[in-house]
PDB file of N, CA and C in Angstrom:
ATOM      1  N   UNK A   1      84.843  42.900 155.204  1.00  0.00           N
ATOM      2  CA  UNK A   1      84.219  41.802 154.751  1.00  0.00           C
ATOM      3  C   UNK A   1      82.639  41.778 155.184  1.00  0.00           C
ATOM      4  N   UNK A   2      81.794  41.494 153.854  1.00  0.00           N
ATOM      5  CA  UNK A   2      80.449  41.290 154.296  1.00  0.00           C
ATOM      6  C   UNK A   2      80.140  40.188 155.175  1.00  0.00           C
ATOM      7  N   UNK A   3      79.178  40.351 155.956  1.00  0.00           N
ATOM      8  CA  UNK A   3      78.718  39.338 157.112  1.00  0.00           C
ATOM      9  C   UNK A   3      77.886  38.185 156.290  1.00  0.00           C
ATOM     10  N   UNK A   4      77.227  38.656 155.253  1.00  0.00           N
ATOM     11  CA  UNK A   4      76.429  37.815 154.494  1.00  0.00           C
ATOM     12  C   UNK A   4      76.677  37.726 152.997  1.00  0.00           C
ATOM     13  N   UNK A   5      76.672  36.584 152.251  1.00  0.00           N
ATOM     14  CA  UNK A   5      77.000  36.913 151.017  1.00  0.00           C
ATOM     15  C   UNK A   5      76.066  37.660 150.064  1.00  0.00           C
ATOM     16  N   UNK A   6      76.658  38.258 149.013  1.00  0.00           N
ATOM     17  CA  UNK A   6      75.824  39.194 148.159  1.00  0.00           C
ATOM     18  C   UNK A   6      75.640  38.471 146.865  1.00  0.00           C
ATOM     19  N   UNK A   7      74.313  38.396 146.499  1.00  0.00           N
ATOM     20  CA  UNK A   7      74.061  37.839 145.243  1.00  0.00           C
ATOM     21  C   UNK A   7      74.682  38.470 144.179  1.00  0.00           C
ATOM     22  N   UNK A   8      75.110  37.810 143.230  1.00  0.00           N
ATOM     23  CA  UNK A   8      75.948  38.188 142.017  1.00  0.00           C
ATOM     24  C   UNK A   8      75.186  39.352 141.486  1.00  0.00           C
ATOM     25  N   UNK A   9      75.696  40.673 141.422  1.00  0.00           N
ATOM     26  CA  UNK A   9      75.082  41.889 140.915  1.00  0.00           C
ATOM     27  C   UNK A   9      75.466  42.013 139.419  1.00  0.00           C
ATOM     28  N   UNK A  10      76.503  41.556 138.832  1.00  0.00           N
ATOM     29  CA  UNK A  10      76.785  41.852 137.366  1.00  0.00           C
ATOM     30  C   UNK A  10      75.694  41.596 136.581  1.00  0.00           C
ATOM     31  N   UNK A  11      75.410  42.568 135.666  1.00  0.00           N
ATOM     32  CA  UNK A  11      74.213  42.517 134.730  1.00  0.00           C
ATOM     33  C   UNK A  11      72.885  42.752 135.211  1.00  0.00           C
ATOM     34  N   UNK A  12      72.766  43.019 136.683  1.00  0.00           N
ATOM     35  CA  UNK A  12      71.409  43.017 137.136  1.00  0.00           C
ATOM     36  C   UNK A  12      70.816  44.583 136.952  1.00  0.00           C
ATOM     37  N   UNK A  13      69.692  44.735 136.984  1.00  0.00           N
ATOM     38  CA  UNK A  13      69.111  45.915 136.786  1.00  0.00           C
ATOM     39  C   UNK A  13      68.725  46.520 138.082  1.00  0.00           C
ATOM     40  N   UNK A  14      69.382  47.449 138.635  1.00  0.00           N
ATOM     41  CA  UNK A  14      69.326  47.993 140.013  1.00  0.00           C
ATOM     42  C   UNK A  14      68.737  49.319 140.044  1.00  0.00           C
ATOM     43  N   UNK A  15      67.438  49.679 140.649  1.00  0.00           N
ATOM     44  CA  UNK A  15      67.054  50.906 140.978  1.00  0.00           C
ATOM     45  C   UNK A  15      67.775  51.420 142.255  1.00  0.00           C
ATOM     46  N   UNK A  16      68.402  52.409 142.134  1.00  0.00           N
ATOM     47  CA  UNK A  16      69.147  53.127 143.583  1.00  0.00           C
ATOM     48  C   UNK A  16      68.259  54.462 143.590  1.00  0.00           C
ATOM     49  N   UNK A  17      67.378  54.444 144.805  1.00  0.00           N
ATOM     50  CA  UNK A  17      66.339  55.469 144.781  1.00  0.00           C
ATOM     51  C   UNK A  17      66.660  56.251 145.980  1.00  0.00           C
ATOM     52  N   UNK A  18      66.920  57.464 145.818  1.00  0.00           N
ATOM     53  CA  UNK A  18      67.289  58.412 146.852  1.00  0.00           C
ATOM     54  C   UNK A  18      66.263  59.579 147.019  1.00  0.00           C
ATOM     55  N   UNK A  19      66.292  60.595 147.815  1.00  0.00           N
ATOM     56  CA  UNK A  19      65.363  61.517 148.159  1.00  0.00           C
ATOM     57  C   UNK A  19      65.122  62.556 147.019  1.00  0.00           C
ATOM     58  N   UNK A  20      65.922  62.554 145.959  1.00  0.00           N
ATOM     59  CA  UNK A  20      65.802  63.601 144.939  1.00  0.00           C
ATOM     60  C   UNK A  20      64.952  63.033 143.655  1.00  0.00           C
ATOM     61  N   UNK A  21      65.420  63.716 142.533  1.00  0.00           N
ATOM     62  CA  UNK A  21      64.872  63.100 141.299  1.00  0.00           C
ATOM     63  C   UNK A  21      64.585  61.849 141.149  1.00  0.00           C
ATOM     64  N   UNK A  22      65.705  60.912 141.758  1.00  0.00           N
ATOM     65  CA  UNK A  22      65.667  59.485 141.350  1.00  0.00           C
ATOM     66  C   UNK A  22      64.347  58.922 141.942  1.00  0.00           C
ATOM     67  N   UNK A  23      63.647  59.372 142.944  1.00  0.00           N
ATOM     68  CA  UNK A  23      62.448  58.870 143.369  1.00  0.00           C
ATOM     69  C   UNK A  23      61.308  59.179 142.457  1.00  0.00           C
ATOM     70  N   UNK A  24      61.386  60.318 141.668  1.00  0.00           N
ATOM     71  CA  UNK A  24      60.377  60.617 140.728  1.00  0.00           C
ATOM     72  C   UNK A  24      60.455  59.599 139.517  1.00  0.00           C
ATOM     73  N   UNK A  25      61.700  59.451 139.093  1.00  0.00           N
ATOM     74  CA  UNK A  25      62.038  58.661 137.971  1.00  0.00           C
ATOM     75  C   UNK A  25      61.825  57.192 138.375  1.00  0.00           C
ATOM     76  N   UNK A  26      61.952  56.773 139.597  1.00  0.00           N
ATOM     77  CA  UNK A  26      61.627  55.120 139.987  1.00  0.00           C
ATOM     78  C   UNK A  26      60.088  55.067 139.895  1.00  0.00           C
ATOM     79  N   UNK A  27      59.301  55.959 140.450  1.00  0.00           N
ATOM     80  CA  UNK A  27      57.884  55.838 140.387  1.00  0.00           C
ATOM     81  C   UNK A  27      57.305  55.882 139.013  1.00  0.00           C
ATOM     82  N   UNK A  28      57.970  56.827 138.199  1.00  0.00           N
ATOM     83  CA  UNK A  28      57.474  56.825 136.716  1.00  0.00           C
ATOM     84  C   UNK A  28      57.705  55.491 135.982  1.00  0.00           C
ATOM     85  N   UNK A  29      58.960  55.008 136.281  1.00  0.00           N
ATOM     86  CA  UNK A  29      59.338  53.768 135.626  1.00  0.00           C
ATOM     87  C   UNK A  29      58.401  52.555 136.143  1.00  0.00           C
ATOM     88  N   UNK A  30      58.096  52.557 137.423  1.00  0.00           N
ATOM     89  CA  UNK A  30      57.156  51.578 137.856  1.00  0.00           C
ATOM     90  C   UNK A  30      55.786  51.569 137.046  1.00  0.00           C
ATOM     91  N   UNK A  31      55.391  52.939 137.138  1.00  0.00           N
ATOM     92  CA  UNK A  31      54.148  53.237 136.637  1.00  0.00           C
ATOM     93  C   UNK A  31      54.032  52.812 134.889  1.00  0.00           C
ATOM     94  N   UNK A  32      55.121  52.871 134.455  1.00  0.00           N
ATOM     95  CA  UNK A  32      55.377  52.490 132.958  1.00  0.00           C
ATOM     96  C   UNK A  32      55.793  50.919 132.828  1.00  0.00           C
ATOM     97  N   UNK A  33      55.639  50.049 133.847  1.00  0.00           N
ATOM     98  CA  UNK A  33      55.729  48.687 133.895  1.00  0.00           C
ATOM     99  C   UNK A  33      57.217  48.276 133.705  1.00  0.00           C
ATOM    100  N   UNK A  34      58.104  49.291 134.028  1.00  0.00           N
ATOM    101  CA  UNK A  34      59.629  48.828 134.222  1.00  0.00           C
ATOM    102  C   UNK A  34      59.773  48.124 135.353  1.00  0.00           C
ATOM    103  N   UNK A  35      60.695  47.013 135.313  1.00  0.00           N
ATOM    104  CA  UNK A  35      60.854  46.402 136.498  1.00  0.00           C
ATOM    105  C   UNK A  35      62.212  46.208 136.638  1.00  0.00           C
ATOM    106  N   UNK A  36      62.738  45.800 137.981  1.00  0.00           N
ATOM    107  CA  UNK A  36      64.193  45.923 138.467  1.00  0.00           C
ATOM    108  C   UNK A  36      64.527  44.578 139.162  1.00  0.00           C
ATOM    109  N   UNK A  37      65.656  44.178 139.083  1.00  0.00           N
ATOM    110  CA  UNK A  37      66.254  43.023 139.654  1.00  0.00           C
ATOM    111  C   UNK A  37      66.174  43.157 141.363  1.00  0.00           C
ATOM    112  N   UNK A  38      66.703  44.457 141.680  1.00  0.00           N
ATOM    113  CA  UNK A  38      66.671  44.870 143.049  1.00  0.00           C
ATOM    114  C   UNK A  38      66.503  46.543 143.130  1.00  0.00           C
ATOM    115  N   UNK A  39      65.900  46.707 144.172  1.00  0.00           N
ATOM    116  CA  UNK A  39      65.481  48.107 144.544  1.00  0.00           C
ATOM    117  C   UNK A  39      66.489  48.534 145.670  1.00  0.00           C
ATOM    118  N   UNK A  40      67.334  49.467 145.805  1.00  0.00           N
ATOM    119  CA  UNK A  40      68.144  49.974 146.842  1.00  0.00           C
ATOM    120  C   UNK A  40      67.537  51.361 147.226  1.00  0.00           C
ATOM    121  N   UNK A  41      67.151  51.442 148.531  1.00  0.00           N
ATOM    122  CA  UNK A  41      66.694  52.602 149.377  1.00  0.00           C
ATOM    123  C   UNK A  41      67.954  53.367 149.769  1.00  0.00           C
ATOM    124  N   UNK A  42      67.992  54.669 149.757  1.00  0.00           N
ATOM    125  CA  UNK A  42      68.767  55.543 150.418  1.00  0.00           C
ATOM    126  C   UNK A  42      68.180  56.457 151.446  1.00  0.00           C
ATOM    127  N   UNK A  43      68.750  56.133 152.606  1.00  0.00           N
ATOM    128  CA  UNK A  43      68.272  56.951 153.759  1.00  0.00           C
ATOM    129  C   UNK A  43      66.682  56.831 153.923  1.00  0.00           C
ATOM    130  N   UNK A  44      66.090  57.999 153.940  1.00  0.00           N
ATOM    131  CA  UNK A  44      64.608  57.973 154.371  1.00  0.00           C
ATOM    132  C   UNK A  44      63.681  57.259 153.430  1.00  0.00           C
ATOM    133  N   UNK A  45      64.232  56.883 152.373  1.00  0.00           N
ATOM    134  CA  UNK A  45      63.325  56.191 151.226  1.00  0.00           C
ATOM    135  C   UNK A  45      62.895  54.850 151.852  1.00  0.00           C
ATOM    136  N   UNK A  46      63.316  54.349 152.980  1.00  0.00           N
ATOM    137  CA  UNK A  46      62.989  53.180 153.594  1.00  0.00           C
ATOM    138  C   UNK A  46      61.308  53.226 154.049  1.00  0.00           C
ATOM    139  N   UNK A  47      60.859  54.479 154.170  1.00  0.00           N
ATOM    140  CA  UNK A  47      59.839  54.750 154.691  1.00  0.00           C
ATOM    141  C   UNK A  47      58.619  54.873 153.511  1.00  0.00           C
ATOM    142  N   UNK A  48      59.176  54.934 152.554  1.00  0.00           N
ATOM    143  CA  UNK A  48      58.231  55.069 151.322  1.00  0.00           C
ATOM    144  C   UNK A  48      58.243  54.110 150.365  1.00  0.00           C
ATOM    145  N   UNK A  49      59.162  53.375 150.131  1.00  0.00           N
ATOM    146  CA  UNK A  49      59.295  52.385 149.066  1.00  0.00           C
ATOM    147  C   UNK A  49      58.784  50.997 149.601  1.00  0.00           C
ATOM    148  N   UNK A  50      58.028  50.272 148.811  1.00  0.00           N
ATOM    149  CA  UNK A  50      57.347  48.937 149.565  1.00  0.00           C
ATOM    150  C   UNK A  50      58.294  47.698 148.978  1.00  0.00           C
ATOM    151  N   UNK A  51      59.181  47.927 148.147  1.00  0.00           N
ATOM    152  CA  UNK A  51      59.688  46.608 147.593  1.00  0.00           C
ATOM    153  C   UNK A  51      61.231  46.975 147.557  1.00  0.00           C
ATOM    154  N   UNK A  52      61.942  47.241 149.017  1.00  0.00           N
ATOM    155  CA  UNK A  52      63.184  47.451 148.962  1.00  0.00           C
ATOM    156  C   UNK A  52      63.941  46.050 149.176  1.00  0.00           C
ATOM    157  N   UNK A  53      65.056  45.922 148.403  1.00  0.00           N
ATOM    158  CA  UNK A  53      65.771  44.815 148.678  1.00  0.00           C
ATOM    159  C   UNK A  53      67.217  45.030 149.603  1.00  0.00           C
ATOM    160  N   UNK A  54      67.642  46.313 149.697  1.00  0.00           N
ATOM    161  CA  UNK A  54      68.813  46.808 150.484  1.00  0.00           C
ATOM    162  C   UNK A  54      68.524  48.269 150.786  1.00  0.00           C
ATOM    163  N   UNK A  55      69.322  48.593 151.857  1.00  0.00           N
ATOM    164  CA  UNK A  55      69.226  50.231 152.112  1.00  0.00           C
ATOM    165  C   UNK A  55      70.532  50.586 152.237  1.00  0.00           C
ATOM    166  N   UNK A  56      70.926  51.766 152.129  1.00  0.00           N
ATOM    167  CA  UNK A  56      72.160  52.545 152.485  1.00  0.00           C
ATOM    168  C   UNK A  56      71.912  53.683 153.200  1.00  0.00           C
ATOM    169  N   UNK A  57      72.234  53.522 154.641  1.00  0.00           N
ATOM    170  CA  UNK A  57      72.005  54.833 155.528  1.00  0.00           C
ATOM    171  C   UNK A  57      73.387  54.688 156.079  1.00  0.00           C
ATOM    172  N   UNK A  58      74.424  55.563 155.741  1.00  0.00           N
ATOM    173  CA  UNK A  58      75.586  55.469 156.144  1.00  0.00           C
ATOM    174  C   UNK A  58      75.740  56.544 157.374  1.00  0.00           C
ATOM    175  N   UNK A  59      74.720  56.885 157.995  1.00  0.00           N
ATOM    176  CA  UNK A  59      74.683  57.614 159.294  1.00  0.00           C
ATOM    177  C   UNK A  59      74.455  56.761 160.329  1.00  0.00           C
ATOM    178  N   UNK A  60      75.119  56.790 161.590  1.00  0.00           N
ATOM    179  CA  UNK A  60      74.972  55.796 162.640  1.00  0.00           C
ATOM    180  C   UNK A  60      73.366  55.775 162.806  1.00  0.00           C
ATOM    181  N   UNK A  61      73.019  54.693 163.289  1.00  0.00           N
ATOM    182  CA  UNK A  61      71.655  54.586 163.708  1.00  0.00           C
ATOM    183  C   UNK A  61      71.158  55.229 164.956  1.00  0.00           C
ATOM    184  N   UNK A  62      72.030  55.635 165.725  1.00  0.00           N
ATOM    185  CA  UNK A  62      71.892  56.459 166.883  1.00  0.00           C
ATOM    186  C   UNK A  62      71.417  57.992 166.647  1.00  0.00           C
ATOM    187  N   UNK A  63      71.793  58.354 165.457  1.00  0.00           N
ATOM    188  CA  UNK A  63      71.334  59.711 164.805  1.00  0.00           C
ATOM    189  C   UNK A  63      69.822  59.627 164.700  1.00  0.00           C
ATOM    190  N   UNK A  64      69.091  58.667 164.603  1.00  0.00           N
ATOM    191  CA  UNK A  64      67.684  58.529 164.242  1.00  0.00           C
ATOM    192  C   UNK A  64      67.066  58.167 165.679  1.00  0.00           C
ATOM    193  N   UNK A  65      67.689  57.183 166.335  1.00  0.00           N
ATOM    194  CA  UNK A  65      67.094  56.617 167.543  1.00  0.00           C
ATOM    195  C   UNK A  65      67.391  57.396 168.666  1.00  0.00           C
ATOM    196  N   UNK A  66      68.375  58.192 168.953  1.00  0.00           N
ATOM    197  CA  UNK A  66      68.894  58.851 170.090  1.00  0.00           C
ATOM    198  C   UNK A  66      68.752  60.430 170.021  1.00  0.00           C
ATOM    199  N   UNK A  67      68.603  60.982 168.960  1.00  0.00           N
ATOM    200  CA  UNK A  67      68.588  62.285 168.595  1.00  0.00           C
ATOM    201  C   UNK A  67      67.531  62.834 167.854  1.00  0.00           C
ATOM    202  N   UNK A  68      67.367  64.083 167.672  1.00  0.00           N
ATOM    203  CA  UNK A  68      66.323  64.696 166.663  1.00  0.00           C
ATOM    204  C   UNK A  68      67.082  65.350 165.457  1.00  0.00           C
ATOM    205  N   UNK A  69      68.148  64.800 165.298  1.00  0.00           N
ATOM    206  CA  UNK A  69      68.967  65.456 164.144  1.00  0.00           C
ATOM    207  C   UNK A  69      68.312  65.218 162.804  1.00  0.00           C
ATOM    208  N   UNK A  70      67.528  64.238 162.607  1.00  0.00           N
ATOM    209  CA  UNK A  70      66.941  63.939 161.136  1.00  0.00           C
ATOM    210  C   UNK A  70      65.858  64.753 161.129  1.00  0.00           C
ATOM    211  N   UNK A  71      65.450  65.797 162.050  1.00  0.00           N
ATOM    212  CA  UNK A  71      64.250  66.591 161.917  1.00  0.00           C
ATOM    213  C   UNK A  71      63.089  65.952 161.761  1.00  0.00           C
ATOM    214  N   UNK A  72      62.230  66.177 160.752  1.00  0.00           N
ATOM    215  CA  UNK A  72      60.866  65.612 160.572  1.00  0.00           C
ATOM    216  C   UNK A  72      60.890  64.320 160.191  1.00  0.00           C
ATOM    217  N   UNK A  73      62.102  63.737 159.781  1.00  0.00           N
ATOM    218  CA  UNK A  73      62.193  62.226 159.236  1.00  0.00           C
ATOM    219  C   UNK A  73      62.492  61.363 160.605  1.00  0.00           C
ATOM    220  N   UNK A  74      62.823  61.978 161.852  1.00  0.00           N
ATOM    221  CA  UNK A  74      63.005  61.363 162.858  1.00  0.00           C
ATOM    222  C   UNK A  74      62.115  60.171 163.324  1.00  0.00           C
ATOM    223  N   UNK A  75      60.871  60.567 163.496  1.00  0.00           N
ATOM    224  CA  UNK A  75      59.784  59.757 163.884  1.00  0.00           C
ATOM    225  C   UNK A  75      59.582  58.487 163.139  1.00  0.00           C
ATOM    226  N   UNK A  76      59.509  58.768 161.729  1.00  0.00           N
ATOM    227  CA  UNK A  76      59.418  57.601 160.738  1.00  0.00           C
ATOM    228  C   UNK A  76      60.572  56.813 160.782  1.00  0.00           C
ATOM    229  N   UNK A  77      61.904  57.311 160.822  1.00  0.00           N
ATOM    230  CA  UNK A  77      63.073  56.550 160.986  1.00  0.00           C
ATOM    231  C   UNK A  77      63.100  55.597 162.199  1.00  0.00           C
ATOM    232  N   UNK A  78      62.653  56.259 163.379  1.00  0.00           N
ATOM    233  CA  UNK A  78      62.629  55.366 164.511  1.00  0.00           C
ATOM    234  C   UNK A  78      61.845  54.254 164.507  1.00  0.00           C
ATOM    235  N   UNK A  79      60.621  54.651 163.785  1.00  0.00           N
ATOM    236  CA  UNK A  79      59.794  53.441 163.682  1.00  0.00           C
ATOM    237  C   UNK A  79      60.205  52.263 162.772  1.00  0.00           C
ATOM    238  N   UNK A  80      60.447  52.873 161.545  1.00  0.00           N
ATOM    239  CA  UNK A  80      61.058  51.728 160.647  1.00  0.00           C
ATOM    240  C   UNK A  80      62.330  50.947 160.818  1.00  0.00           C
ATOM    241  N   UNK A  81      63.364  51.608 161.270  1.00  0.00           N
ATOM    242  CA  UNK A  81      64.619  50.981 161.380  1.00  0.00           C
ATOM    243  C   UNK A  81      64.579  49.524 162.075  1.00  0.00           C
ATOM    244  N   UNK A  82      64.016  49.615 163.357  1.00  0.00           N
ATOM    245  CA  UNK A  82      64.080  48.213 164.104  1.00  0.00           C
ATOM    246  C   UNK A  82      63.067  47.038 163.370  1.00  0.00           C
ATOM    247  N   UNK A  83      62.307  47.557 162.473  1.00  0.00           N
ATOM    248  CA  UNK A  83      61.272  46.471 161.858  1.00  0.00           C
ATOM    249  C   UNK A  83      61.814  46.055 160.533  1.00  0.00           C
ATOM    250  N   UNK A  84      62.819  46.453 159.782  1.00  0.00           N
ATOM    251  CA  UNK A  84      63.233  46.187 158.345  1.00  0.00           C
ATOM    252  C   UNK A  84      63.876  44.775 158.465  1.00  0.00           C
ATOM    253  N   UNK A  85      63.607  44.126 157.525  1.00  0.00           N
ATOM    254  CA  UNK A  85      64.102  42.733 157.402  1.00  0.00           C
ATOM    255  C   UNK A  85      65.255  42.658 156.337  1.00  0.00           C
ATOM    256  N   UNK A  86      65.365  43.657 155.457  1.00  0.00           N
ATOM    257  CA  UNK A  86      66.453  43.476 154.289  1.00  0.00           C
ATOM    258  C   UNK A  86      67.717  44.245 154.947  1.00  0.00           C
ATOM    259  N   UNK A  87      68.836  44.050 154.347  1.00  0.00           N
ATOM    260  CA  UNK A  87      69.967  44.560 154.923  1.00  0.00           C
ATOM    261  C   UNK A  87      70.068  46.152 154.832  1.00  0.00           C
ATOM    262  N   UNK A  88      70.517  46.677 155.745  1.00  0.00           N
ATOM    263  CA  UNK A  88      70.791  48.172 155.930  1.00  0.00           C
ATOM    264  C   UNK A  88      72.286  48.256 156.074  1.00  0.00           C
ATOM    265  N   UNK A  89      72.993  48.834 155.075  1.00  0.00           N
ATOM    266  CA  UNK A  89      74.444  49.075 155.190  1.00  0.00           C
ATOM    267  C   UNK A  89      74.579  50.310 155.747  1.00  0.00           C
ATOM    268  N   UNK A  90      75.443  50.296 156.793  1.00  0.00           N
ATOM    269  CA  UNK A  90      75.785  51.543 157.708  1.00  0.00           C
ATOM    270  C   UNK A  90      77.131  51.729 158.231  1.00  0.00           C
ATOM    271  N   UNK A  91      77.410  52.650 159.005  1.00  0.00           N
ATOM    272  CA  UNK A  91      78.636  52.928 159.228  1.00  0.00           C
ATOM    273  C   UNK A  91      79.081  52.111 160.603  1.00  0.00           C
ATOM    274  N   UNK A  92      78.087  51.945 161.437  1.00  0.00           N
ATOM    275  CA  UNK A  92      78.425  51.174 162.789  1.00  0.00           C
ATOM    276  C   UNK A  92      77.090  50.286 163.266  1.00  0.00           C
ATOM    277  N   UNK A  93      77.280  49.283 163.725  1.00  0.00           N
ATOM    278  CA  UNK A  93      76.247  48.246 164.088  1.00  0.00           C
ATOM    279  C   UNK A  93      75.503  48.800 165.311  1.00  0.00           C
ATOM    280  N   UNK A  94      74.296  48.606 165.400  1.00  0.00           N
ATOM    281  CA  UNK A  94      73.386  48.822 166.588  1.00  0.00           C
ATOM    282  C   UNK A  94      72.559  47.814 166.780  1.00  0.00           C
ATOM    283  N   UNK A  95      72.467  47.217 168.094  1.00  0.00           N
ATOM    284  CA  UNK A  95      71.592  46.021 168.278  1.00  0.00           C
ATOM    285  C   UNK A  95      70.120  46.302 168.173  1.00  0.00           C
ATOM    286  N   UNK A  96      69.680  47.587 168.187  1.00  0.00           N
ATOM    287  CA  UNK A  96      68.216  48.222 168.149  1.00  0.00           C
ATOM    288  C   UNK A  96      67.698  48.067 166.778  1.00  0.00           C
ATOM    289  N   UNK A  97      68.885  47.788 165.762  1.00  0.00           N
ATOM    290  CA  UNK A  97      68.419  47.750 164.237  1.00  0.00           C
ATOM    291  C   UNK A  97      69.164  46.317 163.901  1.00  0.00           C
ATOM    292  N   UNK A  98      68.203  45.336 163.987  1.00  0.00           N
ATOM    293  CA  UNK A  98      68.750  43.847 163.737  1.00  0.00           C
ATOM    294  C   UNK A  98      69.346  43.651 162.278  1.00  0.00           C
ATOM    295  N   UNK A  99      68.773  44.372 161.347  1.00  0.00           N
ATOM    296  CA  UNK A  99      69.079  44.116 159.946  1.00  0.00           C
ATOM    297  C   UNK A  99      70.400  44.936 159.568  1.00  0.00           C
ATOM    298  N   UNK A 100      70.804  46.027 160.495  1.00  0.00           N
ATOM    299  CA  UNK A 100      72.019  46.639 160.127  1.00  0.00           C
ATOM    300  C   UNK A 100      73.305  45.846 159.909  1.00  0.00           C
ATOM    301  N   UNK A 101      74.002  46.042 158.754  1.00  0.00           N
ATOM    302  CA  UNK A 101      75.092  45.380 158.467  1.00  0.00           C
ATOM    303  C   UNK A 101      76.305  46.506 158.273  1.00  0.00           C
ATOM    304  N   UNK A 102      77.495  46.246 158.752  1.00  0.00           N
ATOM    305  CA  UNK A 102      78.571  47.318 158.735  1.00  0.00           C
ATOM    306  C   UNK A 102      78.862  47.309 157.112  1.00  0.00           C
ATOM    307  N   UNK A 103      78.869  48.629 156.685  1.00  0.00           N
ATOM    308  CA  UNK A 103      79.185  48.904 155.232  1.00  0.00           C
ATOM    309  C   UNK A 103      80.816  48.371 154.953  1.00  0.00           C
ATOM    310  N   UNK A 104      81.036  47.399 153.997  1.00  0.00           N
ATOM    311  CA  UNK A 104      82.288  46.931 153.674  1.00  0.00           C
ATOM    312  C   UNK A 104      83.372  47.835 153.235  1.00  0.00           C
ATOM    313  N   UNK A 105      83.493  48.988 153.846  1.00  0.00           N
ATOM    314  CA  UNK A 105      84.310  50.044 153.291  1.00  0.00           C
ATOM    315  C   UNK A 105      85.797  49.631 152.904  1.00  0.00           C
ATOM    316  N   UNK A 106      86.494  48.649 153.763  1.00  0.00           N
ATOM    317  CA  UNK A 106      87.757  48.389 153.614  1.00  0.00           C
ATOM    318  C   UNK A 106      87.921  47.622 152.381  1.00  0.00           C
ATOM    319  N   UNK A 107      87.066  46.569 152.210  1.00  0.00           N
ATOM    320  CA  UNK A 107      87.256  45.687 151.108  1.00  0.00           C
ATOM    321  C   UNK A 107      87.021  46.441 149.741  1.00  0.00           C
ATOM    322  N   UNK A 108      85.858  47.397 149.849  1.00  0.00           N
ATOM    323  CA  UNK A 108      85.672  47.948 148.535  1.00  0.00           C
ATOM    324  C   UNK A 108      86.709  48.938 148.033  1.00  0.00           C
ATOM    325  N   UNK A 109      87.410  49.648 149.353  1.00  0.00           N
ATOM    326  CA  UNK A 109      88.592  50.405 148.752  1.00  0.00           C
ATOM    327  C   UNK A 109      89.707  49.686 148.256  1.00  0.00           C
ATOM    328  N   UNK A 110      89.811  48.357 148.747  1.00  0.00           N
ATOM    329  CA  UNK A 110      90.890  47.544 148.082  1.00  0.00           C
ATOM    330  C   UNK A 110      90.629  47.217 146.804  1.00  0.00           C
ATOM    331  N   UNK A 111      89.219  46.787 146.575  1.00  0.00           N
ATOM    332  CA  UNK A 111      88.862  46.207 145.269  1.00  0.00           C
ATOM    333  C   UNK A 111      88.850  47.344 144.113  1.00  0.00           C
ATOM    334  N   UNK A 112      88.199  48.731 144.652  1.00  0.00           N
ATOM    335  CA  UNK A 112      88.215  49.612 143.629  1.00  0.00           C
ATOM    336  C   UNK A 112      89.467  50.540 143.544  1.00  0.00           C
ATOM    337  N   UNK A 113      90.177  50.315 144.439  1.00  0.00           N
ATOM    338  CA  UNK A 113      91.580  51.415 144.394  1.00  0.00           C
ATOM    339  C   UNK A 113      91.132  52.789 144.648  1.00  0.00           C
ATOM    340  N   UNK A 114      89.898  53.120 145.397  1.00  0.00           N
ATOM    341  CA  UNK A 114      89.459  54.446 145.670  1.00  0.00           C
ATOM    342  C   UNK A 114      89.015  54.498 146.933  1.00  0.00           C
ATOM    343  N   UNK A 115      89.301  55.740 147.644  1.00  0.00           N
ATOM    344  CA  UNK A 115      88.845  55.533 149.029  1.00  0.00           C
ATOM    345  C   UNK A 115      88.099  57.115 149.203  1.00  0.00           C
ATOM    346  N   UNK A 116      87.679  57.790 148.058  1.00  0.00           N
ATOM    347  CA  UNK A 116      86.668  58.802 148.414  1.00  0.00           C
ATOM    348  C   UNK A 116      85.527  58.744 147.896  1.00  0.00           C
ATOM    349  N   UNK A 117      84.421  58.668 148.987  1.00  0.00           N
ATOM    350  CA  UNK A 117      83.167  58.576 148.625  1.00  0.00           C
ATOM    351  C   UNK A 117      82.348  59.679 149.173  1.00  0.00           C
ATOM    352  N   UNK A 118      81.798  60.744 148.560  1.00  0.00           N
ATOM    353  CA  UNK A 118      81.342  62.007 149.135  1.00  0.00           C
ATOM    354  C   UNK A 118      80.002  61.979 149.821  1.00  0.00           C
ATOM    355  N   UNK A 119      79.300  60.813 149.525  1.00  0.00           N
ATOM    356  CA  UNK A 119      77.815  60.714 150.180  1.00  0.00           C
ATOM    357  C   UNK A 119      77.213  59.390 149.922  1.00  0.00           C
ATOM    358  N   UNK A 120      76.245  59.239 150.341  1.00  0.00           N
ATOM    359  CA  UNK A 120      75.459  57.729 150.713  1.00  0.00           C
ATOM    360  C   UNK A 120      75.374  57.261 149.163  1.00  0.00           C
ATOM    361  N   UNK A 121      74.986  58.046 148.178  1.00  0.00           N
ATOM    362  CA  UNK A 121      74.740  57.524 146.995  1.00  0.00           C
ATOM    363  C   UNK A 121      76.168  56.872 146.446  1.00  0.00           C
ATOM    364  N   UNK A 122      77.095  57.734 146.617  1.00  0.00           N
ATOM    365  CA  UNK A 122      78.581  57.090 146.288  1.00  0.00           C
ATOM    366  C   UNK A 122      78.942  55.870 146.862  1.00  0.00           C
ATOM    367  N   UNK A 123      78.609  55.790 148.017  1.00  0.00           N
ATOM    368  CA  UNK A 123      78.857  54.538 148.659  1.00  0.00           C
ATOM    369  C   UNK A 123      78.123  53.214 147.997  1.00  0.00           C
ATOM    370  N   UNK A 124      76.888  53.642 147.630  1.00  0.00           N
ATOM    371  CA  UNK A 124      76.140  52.464 147.096  1.00  0.00           C
ATOM    372  C   UNK A 124      76.318  52.157 145.583  1.00  0.00           C
ATOM    373  N   UNK A 125      76.913  52.985 145.082  1.00  0.00           N
ATOM    374  CA  UNK A 125      77.405  52.798 143.626  1.00  0.00           C
ATOM    375  C   UNK A 125      78.670  52.072 143.851  1.00  0.00           C
ATOM    376  N   UNK A 126      79.609  52.284 144.691  1.00  0.00           N
ATOM    377  CA  UNK A 126      80.633  51.717 145.096  1.00  0.00           C
ATOM    378  C   UNK A 126      80.403  50.066 145.256  1.00  0.00           C
ATOM    379  N   UNK A 127      79.450  50.076 145.989  1.00  0.00           N
ATOM    380  CA  UNK A 127      78.980  48.508 146.398  1.00  0.00           C
ATOM    381  C   UNK A 127      78.491  47.869 145.256  1.00  0.00           C
ATOM    382  N   UNK A 128      77.745  48.407 144.366  1.00  0.00           N
ATOM    383  CA  UNK A 128      77.370  48.080 143.122  1.00  0.00           C
ATOM    384  C   UNK A 128      78.569  47.531 142.312  1.00  0.00           C
ATOM    385  N   UNK A 129      79.562  48.349 142.251  1.00  0.00           N
ATOM    386  CA  UNK A 129      80.822  48.147 141.278  1.00  0.00           C
ATOM    387  C   UNK A 129      81.503  46.729 141.896  1.00  0.00           C
TER     388      UNK A 129
END
């Protein structure tokens, strides 16, 4: 169950921006005056996008805060994660990241009748549904 109510998403225009082609598409869309009701960042896009409403980082926060496993993204993630004011949906809570919220996996599996999500983008799409 979500700890905070989610605004109604039905009919909303959501930009889901990850680290591949979607970031280029997003920047081109904004350059051409397209607008979005919400902007959702995936993983390290939290360090690039200025107008994020939600983030989806399904790695534990300790991956970024306690290890070097994120490679060159580690310093940026360490700096940004504790400062973020919007919800970050993740697999486990960490008090060092106050805006982290546990991803509502069980309720989504029940609602969607599907339990297979292969990557963070799939989790975000399930959340939108």
